[in-house]
C-alpha atoms as a PDB file:
ATOM      1  CA  MET A   1     -75.732  -9.230 -79.511  1.00  0.00           C
ATOM      2  CA  THR A   2     -78.805  -8.351 -77.701  1.00  0.00           C
ATOM      3  CA  GLU A   3     -79.558  -4.918 -76.512  1.00  0.00           C
ATOM      4  CA  THR A   4     -80.753  -4.345 -73.062  1.00  0.00           C
ATOM      5  CA  LYS A   5     -83.530  -1.818 -72.657  1.00  0.00           C
ATOM      6  CA  ASP A   6     -84.331   0.329 -69.744  1.00  0.00           C
ATOM      7  CA  GLN A   7     -87.574  -1.004 -68.402  1.00  0.00           C
ATOM      8  CA  THR A   8     -88.958   2.367 -67.399  1.00  0.00           C
ATOM      9  CA  THR A   9     -88.278   4.308 -70.567  1.00  0.00           C
ATOM     10  CA  GLY A  10     -87.914   1.491 -73.059  1.00  0.00           C
ATOM     11  CA  GLN A  11     -84.839   2.949 -74.538  1.00  0.00           C
ATOM     12  CA  PRO A  12     -81.613   1.079 -74.960  1.00  0.00           C
ATOM     13  CA  SER A  13     -79.469   1.275 -71.892  1.00  0.00           C
ATOM     14  CA  GLU A  14     -75.777   1.614 -71.701  1.00  0.00           C
ATOM     15  CA  PRO A  15     -73.763  -1.408 -70.835  1.00  0.00           C
ATOM     16  CA  ALA A  16     -73.104  -1.781 -67.182  1.00  0.00           C
ATOM     17  CA  ALA A  17     -69.801  -0.475 -65.944  1.00  0.00           C
ATOM     18  CA  PRO A  18     -67.418  -3.125 -64.744  1.00  0.00           C
ATOM     19  CA  ALA A  19     -67.321  -3.700 -61.037  1.00  0.00           C
ATOM     20  CA  PRO A  20     -64.578  -1.858 -59.233  1.00  0.00           C
ATOM     21  CA  SER A  21     -61.457  -4.004 -59.099  1.00  0.00           C
ATOM     22  CA  THR A  22     -60.492  -5.499 -55.797  1.00  0.00           C
ATOM     23  CA  PRO A  23     -57.015  -6.741 -55.021  1.00  0.00           C
ATOM     24  CA  GLU A  24     -56.755 -10.448 -55.745  1.00  0.00           C
ATOM     25  CA  ALA A  25     -56.227 -12.679 -52.781  1.00  0.00           C
ATOM     26  CA  VAL A  26     -52.948 -14.580 -52.843  1.00  0.00           C
ATOM     27  CA  ARG A  27     -53.761 -18.171 -53.293  1.00  0.00           C
ATOM     28  CA  ALA A  28     -51.744 -20.927 -51.672  1.00  0.00           C
ATOM     29  CA  PRO A  29     -50.312 -23.474 -54.066  1.00  0.00           C
ATOM     30  CA  LEU A  30     -52.314 -26.605 -54.388  1.00  0.00           C
ATOM     31  CA  ARG A  31     -50.871 -29.927 -53.403  1.00  0.00           C
ATOM     32  CA  GLY A  32     -48.226 -30.936 -55.946  1.00  0.00           C
ATOM     33  CA  GLU A  33     -47.726 -27.389 -57.195  1.00  0.00           C
ATOM     34  CA  VAL A  34     -44.372 -25.724 -56.544  1.00  0.00           C
ATOM     35  CA  SER A  35     -43.911 -22.009 -56.139  1.00  0.00           C
ATOM     36  CA  ARG A  36     -41.172 -20.194 -57.988  1.00  0.00           C
ATOM     37  CA  ARG A  37     -39.221 -19.696 -54.752  1.00  0.00           C
ATOM     38  CA  GLY A  38     -39.561 -23.398 -53.840  1.00  0.00           C
ATOM     39  CA  PHE A  39     -38.440 -24.469 -57.315  1.00  0.00           C
ATOM     40  CA  LEU A  40     -35.364 -22.225 -57.171  1.00  0.00           C
ATOM     41  CA  SER A  41     -34.539 -23.524 -53.685  1.00  0.00           C
ATOM     42  CA  VAL A  42     -34.652 -27.132 -54.905  1.00  0.00           C
ATOM     43  CA  VAL A  43     -32.490 -26.281 -57.924  1.00  0.00           C
ATOM     44  CA  GLY A  44     -30.001 -24.436 -55.671  1.00  0.00           C
ATOM     45  CA  VAL A  45     -29.720 -27.374 -53.267  1.00  0.00           C
ATOM     46  CA  GLY A  46     -29.280 -29.744 -56.207  1.00  0.00           C
ATOM     47  CA  TRP A  47     -26.422 -27.682 -57.620  1.00  0.00           C
ATOM     48  CA  ALA A  48     -24.797 -27.467 -54.177  1.00  0.00           C
ATOM     49  CA  VAL A  49     -24.927 -31.269 -53.799  1.00  0.00           C
ATOM     50  CA  PHE A  50     -23.578 -31.752 -57.328  1.00  0.00           C
ATOM     51  CA  THR A  51     -20.720 -29.300 -56.699  1.00  0.00           C
ATOM     52  CA  ALA A  52     -19.815 -30.979 -53.407  1.00  0.00           C
ATOM     53  CA  GLY A  53     -19.771 -34.400 -55.098  1.00  0.00           C
ATOM     54  CA  ALA A  54     -17.630 -33.112 -57.962  1.00  0.00           C
ATOM     55  CA  LEU A  55     -15.152 -31.535 -55.544  1.00  0.00           C
ATOM     56  CA  ALA A  56     -14.977 -34.782 -53.545  1.00  0.00           C
ATOM     57  CA  GLN A  57     -14.178 -36.718 -56.725  1.00  0.00           C
ATOM     58  CA  ILE A  58     -11.503 -34.210 -57.714  1.00  0.00           C
ATOM     59  CA  GLY A  59     -10.025 -34.504 -54.208  1.00  0.00           C
ATOM     60  CA  ALA A  60      -9.994 -38.296 -54.422  1.00  0.00           C
ATOM     61  CA  LEU A  61      -8.322 -38.173 -57.831  1.00  0.00           C
ATOM     62  CA  THR A  62      -5.687 -35.752 -56.549  1.00  0.00           C
ATOM     63  CA  ARG A  63      -5.062 -37.999 -53.533  1.00  0.00           C
ATOM     64  CA  PHE A  64      -4.641 -40.956 -55.885  1.00  0.00           C
ATOM     65  CA  LEU A  65      -2.175 -39.120 -58.116  1.00  0.00           C
ATOM     66  CA  PHE A  66      -0.083 -37.832 -55.198  1.00  0.00           C
ATOM     67  CA  PRO A  67      -0.003 -40.583 -52.535  1.00  0.00           C
ATOM     68  CA  ASN A  68       1.689 -40.259 -49.162  1.00  0.00           C
ATOM     69  CA  VAL A  69       5.244 -41.434 -49.174  1.00  0.00           C
ATOM     70  CA  LEU A  70       6.285 -43.164 -45.989  1.00  0.00           C
ATOM     71  CA  TYR A  71       9.715 -42.296 -44.718  1.00  0.00           C
ATOM     72  CA  GLU A  72      11.832 -45.336 -44.114  1.00  0.00           C
ATOM     73  CA  PRO A  73      15.392 -45.115 -42.923  1.00  0.00           C
ATOM     74  CA  PRO A  74      17.985 -46.274 -45.438  1.00  0.00           C
ATOM     75  CA  GLN A  75      18.489 -50.006 -45.560  1.00  0.00           C
ATOM     76  CA  GLU A  76      22.237 -49.579 -46.005  1.00  0.00           C
ATOM     77  CA  PHE A  77      24.094 -47.354 -43.538  1.00  0.00           C
ATOM     78  CA  LYS A  78      27.478 -46.797 -41.914  1.00  0.00           C
ATOM     79  CA  ILE A  79      27.756 -47.059 -38.145  1.00  0.00           C
ATOM     80  CA  GLY A  80      31.320 -45.902 -37.492  1.00  0.00           C
ATOM     81  CA  PHE A  81      34.833 -47.301 -37.228  1.00  0.00           C
ATOM     82  CA  PRO A  82      35.504 -50.662 -35.526  1.00  0.00           C
ATOM     83  CA  ALA A  83      37.711 -49.088 -32.848  1.00  0.00           C
ATOM     84  CA  GLU A  84      34.705 -47.085 -31.589  1.00  0.00           C
ATOM     85  CA  PHE A  85      32.984 -50.243 -30.264  1.00  0.00           C
ATOM     86  CA  ALA A  86      33.914 -51.921 -26.983  1.00  0.00           C
ATOM     87  CA  VAL A  87      34.743 -55.637 -27.007  1.00  0.00           C
ATOM     88  CA  ASP A  88      32.065 -57.965 -25.563  1.00  0.00           C
ATOM     89  CA  SER A  89      29.343 -55.333 -25.751  1.00  0.00           C
ATOM     90  CA  VAL A  90      25.934 -54.742 -27.313  1.00  0.00           C
ATOM     91  CA  ASP A  91      25.602 -51.280 -28.866  1.00  0.00           C
ATOM     92  CA  GLU A  92      22.042 -49.958 -28.716  1.00  0.00           C
ATOM     93  CA  ARG A  93      22.627 -46.640 -30.516  1.00  0.00           C
ATOM     94  CA  PHE A  94      20.953 -47.895 -33.690  1.00  0.00           C
ATOM     95  CA  LYS A  95      17.976 -49.653 -32.070  1.00  0.00           C
ATOM     96  CA  ALA A  96      15.495 -46.779 -32.440  1.00  0.00           C
ATOM     97  CA  SER A  97      16.636 -45.362 -35.768  1.00  0.00           C
ATOM     98  CA  TYR A  98      17.527 -48.533 -37.717  1.00  0.00           C
ATOM     99  CA  ALA A  99      16.126 -51.427 -35.617  1.00  0.00           C
ATOM    100  CA  VAL A 100      19.581 -52.988 -35.249  1.00  0.00           C
ATOM    101  CA  TRP A 101      21.838 -53.990 -32.372  1.00  0.00           C
ATOM    102  CA  ILE A 102      25.565 -54.088 -33.061  1.00  0.00           C
ATOM    103  CA  VAL A 103      27.308 -56.836 -31.105  1.00  0.00           C
ATOM    104  CA  ARG A 104      31.081 -57.010 -30.820  1.00  0.00           C
ATOM    105  CA  ASP A 105      32.769 -60.076 -29.433  1.00  0.00           C
ATOM    106  CA  ALA A 106      36.463 -60.957 -29.248  1.00  0.00           C
ATOM    107  CA  GLY A 107      36.576 -62.009 -32.910  1.00  0.00           C
ATOM    108  CA  GLY A 108      34.486 -59.389 -34.670  1.00  0.00           C
ATOM    109  CA  PHE A 109      31.031 -57.880 -35.267  1.00  0.00           C
ATOM    110  CA  PHE A 110      27.512 -58.910 -36.180  1.00  0.00           C
ATOM    111  CA  ALA A 111      24.268 -56.965 -36.515  1.00  0.00           C
ATOM    112  CA  LEU A 112      21.123 -58.393 -34.898  1.00  0.00           C
ATOM    113  CA  SER A 113      17.560 -57.482 -35.828  1.00  0.00           C
ATOM    114  CA  THR A 114      15.539 -55.912 -33.000  1.00  0.00           C
ATOM    115  CA  VAL A 115      12.398 -57.778 -34.095  1.00  0.00           C
ATOM    116  CA  CYS A 116      11.375 -60.727 -31.935  1.00  0.00           C
ATOM    117  CA  THR A 117      10.819 -63.864 -34.008  1.00  0.00           C
ATOM    118  CA  HIS A 118       7.642 -64.691 -32.086  1.00  0.00           C
ATOM    119  CA  LEU A 119       5.214 -61.861 -32.915  1.00  0.00           C
ATOM    120  CA  GLY A 120       7.462 -58.962 -33.897  1.00  0.00           C
ATOM    121  CA  CYS A 121       7.788 -57.027 -30.625  1.00  0.00           C
ATOM    122  CA  THR A 122      11.044 -55.272 -29.777  1.00  0.00           C
ATOM    123  CA  PRO A 123      13.075 -57.019 -27.069  1.00  0.00           C
ATOM    124  CA  ASN A 124      15.216 -55.093 -24.586  1.00  0.00           C
ATOM    125  CA  TRP A 125      18.886 -55.698 -23.885  1.00  0.00           C
ATOM    126  CA  LEU A 126      19.404 -56.521 -20.205  1.00  0.00           C
ATOM    127  CA  PRO A 127      23.140 -56.088 -19.530  1.00  0.00           C
ATOM    128  CA  ALA A 128      22.964 -57.523 -15.991  1.00  0.00           C
ATOM    129  CA  GLU A 129      21.505 -60.772 -17.330  1.00  0.00           C
ATOM    130  CA  GLU A 130      23.472 -60.714 -20.604  1.00  0.00           C
ATOM    131  CA  LYS A 131      20.376 -61.386 -22.699  1.00  0.00           C
ATOM    132  CA  PHE A 132      17.648 -59.832 -24.826  1.00  0.00           C
ATOM    133  CA  LYS A 133      14.215 -60.112 -23.216  1.00  0.00           C
ATOM    134  CA  CYS A 134      10.960 -59.540 -25.093  1.00  0.00           C
ATOM    135  CA  PRO A 135       8.419 -57.602 -22.981  1.00  0.00           C
ATOM    136  CA  CYS A 136       5.397 -58.922 -24.919  1.00  0.00           C
ATOM    137  CA  HIS A 137       5.516 -62.674 -24.301  1.00  0.00           C
ATOM    138  CA  GLY A 138       8.744 -63.331 -22.418  1.00  0.00           C
ATOM    139  CA  SER A 139      11.000 -64.668 -25.158  1.00  0.00           C
ATOM    140  CA  GLY A 140      14.661 -64.553 -24.215  1.00  0.00           C
ATOM    141  CA  PHE A 141      17.741 -64.498 -26.452  1.00  0.00           C
ATOM    142  CA  ILE A 142      21.397 -64.707 -25.453  1.00  0.00           C
ATOM    143  CA  LYS A 143      23.931 -62.192 -26.784  1.00  0.00           C
ATOM    144  CA  THR A 144      24.497 -64.168 -29.987  1.00  0.00           C
ATOM    145  CA  GLY A 145      20.763 -64.000 -30.789  1.00  0.00           C
ATOM    146  CA  ILE A 146      19.943 -67.639 -30.005  1.00  0.00           C
ATOM    147  CA  ASN A 147      16.505 -68.118 -28.403  1.00  0.00           C
ATOM    148  CA  VAL A 148      16.722 -69.743 -24.982  1.00  0.00           C
ATOM    149  CA  GLU A 149      13.317 -69.118 -23.379  1.00  0.00           C
ATOM    150  CA  GLY A 150       9.751 -68.236 -24.174  1.00  0.00           C
ATOM    151  CA  PRO A 151       7.628 -68.836 -27.242  1.00  0.00           C
ATOM    152  CA  ALA A 152      10.073 -67.481 -29.859  1.00  0.00           C
ATOM    153  CA  PRO A 153      10.412 -70.287 -32.440  1.00  0.00           C
ATOM    154  CA  ARG A 154      13.831 -69.314 -33.761  1.00  0.00           C
ATOM    155  CA  PRO A 155      16.853 -67.062 -33.132  1.00  0.00           C
ATOM    156  CA  LEU A 156      17.000 -63.384 -34.030  1.00  0.00           C
ATOM    157  CA  GLU A 157      17.964 -62.578 -37.601  1.00  0.00           C
ATOM    158  CA  ARG A 158      21.303 -61.084 -38.529  1.00  0.00           C
ATOM    159  CA  PHE A 159      22.004 -58.461 -41.176  1.00  0.00           C
ATOM    160  CA  LYS A 160      24.936 -58.231 -43.536  1.00  0.00           C
ATOM    161  CA  VAL A 161      27.996 -56.449 -42.086  1.00  0.00           C
ATOM    162  CA  THR A 162      31.051 -55.452 -44.105  1.00  0.00           C
ATOM    163  CA  LEU A 163      33.807 -52.855 -44.054  1.00  0.00           C
ATOM    164  CA  ALA A 164      33.251 -49.898 -46.373  1.00  0.00           C
ATOM    165  CA  GLU A 165      36.086 -48.451 -48.439  1.00  0.00           C
ATOM    166  CA  ASP A 166      36.638 -45.687 -45.881  1.00  0.00           C
ATOM    167  CA  GLY A 167      37.106 -48.277 -43.084  1.00  0.00           C
ATOM    168  CA  GLN A 168      33.708 -47.819 -41.422  1.00  0.00           C
ATOM    169  CA  ILE A 169      31.365 -50.702 -40.681  1.00  0.00           C
ATOM    170  CA  LEU A 170      28.579 -50.921 -43.244  1.00  0.00           C
ATOM    171  CA  VAL A 171      25.279 -52.613 -42.316  1.00  0.00           C
ATOM    172  CA  ASP A 172      22.999 -53.799 -45.134  1.00  0.00           C
ATOM    173  CA  LYS A 173      19.492 -54.688 -43.957  1.00  0.00           C
ATOM    174  CA  ASN A 174      18.526 -55.874 -47.436  1.00  0.00           C
ATOM    175  CA  THR A 175      20.400 -59.124 -46.741  1.00  0.00           C
ATOM    176  CA  LYS A 176      19.179 -61.200 -43.792  1.00  0.00           C
ATOM    177  CA  TYR A 177      20.727 -64.320 -42.335  1.00  0.00           C
ATOM    178  CA  GLN A 178      18.766 -66.959 -40.398  1.00  0.00           C
ATOM    179  CA  GLU A 179      20.585 -69.359 -38.092  1.00  0.00           C
ATOM    180  CA  GLU A 180      18.128 -72.244 -38.570  1.00  0.00           C
ATOM    181  CA  LYS A 181      18.929 -72.248 -42.306  1.00  0.00           C
ATOM    182  CA  GLY A 182      22.668 -72.354 -41.637  1.00  0.00           C
ATOM    183  CA  GLN A 183      23.108 -68.816 -42.993  1.00  0.00           C
ATOM    184  CA  TRP A 184      25.068 -67.517 -40.012  1.00  0.00           C
ATOM    185  CA  LEU A 185      28.074 -69.349 -41.497  1.00  0.00           C
ATOM    186  CA  LEU A 186      27.891 -67.367 -44.755  1.00  0.00           C
ATOM    187  CA  ASP A 187      30.124 -64.411 -45.590  1.00  0.00           C
ATOM    188  CA  GLY A 188      28.543 -61.153 -44.479  1.00  0.00           C
ATOM    189  CA  SER A 189      26.690 -62.484 -41.439  1.00  0.00           C
ATOM    190  CA  TYR A 190      29.788 -61.899 -39.303  1.00  0.00           C
ATOM    191  CA  LEU A 191      32.587 -59.365 -39.734  1.00  0.00           C
ATOM    192  CA  PRO A 192      35.894 -60.724 -38.405  1.00  0.00           C
ATOM    193  CA  TYR A 193      37.977 -57.993 -36.786  1.00  0.00           C
ATOM    194  CA  THR A 194      40.860 -57.950 -34.370  1.00  0.00           C
ATOM    195  CA  ALA A 195      42.344 -54.718 -33.123  1.00  0.00           C
END
């Protein structure tokens, strides 16, 4: 260590006092550097995205484990006693709730499907014309369900009709009968009844 000497007296001088401290200027981060606040912001956003993704996966799993159950009306149902139906009539009470028309003729009952055999629209019963008429493409069916006009390729389907033990008419939509296959002649496609 070298001593510094006072040039006027030649004696050793005291070390120079440090310069008074000045507050340091805040320096902006250089390109590529991240401040503490910026780093914590990025980490916070990352955790928020991760949490949202995890919650979405949990929601999807819950949805998978508890699916929606569609309500469908029962496929087997009672419609009442035979005496409650007028002869030579089409009963439309069950059209909206069960998609079935109940037809009674002089010899008994049969249940017709309300689904057009062309493209699945719902025909309307026109009592003045004594026929079912499809509003979509003009298919027409007589009271028995036979197609007589329009693009429908085959007659309406029938459902199984029987008498329940309590004497009411029981319709079973699980069993269908198609006329073109000769099934309208099978037991269950027609319920014989005379009052």
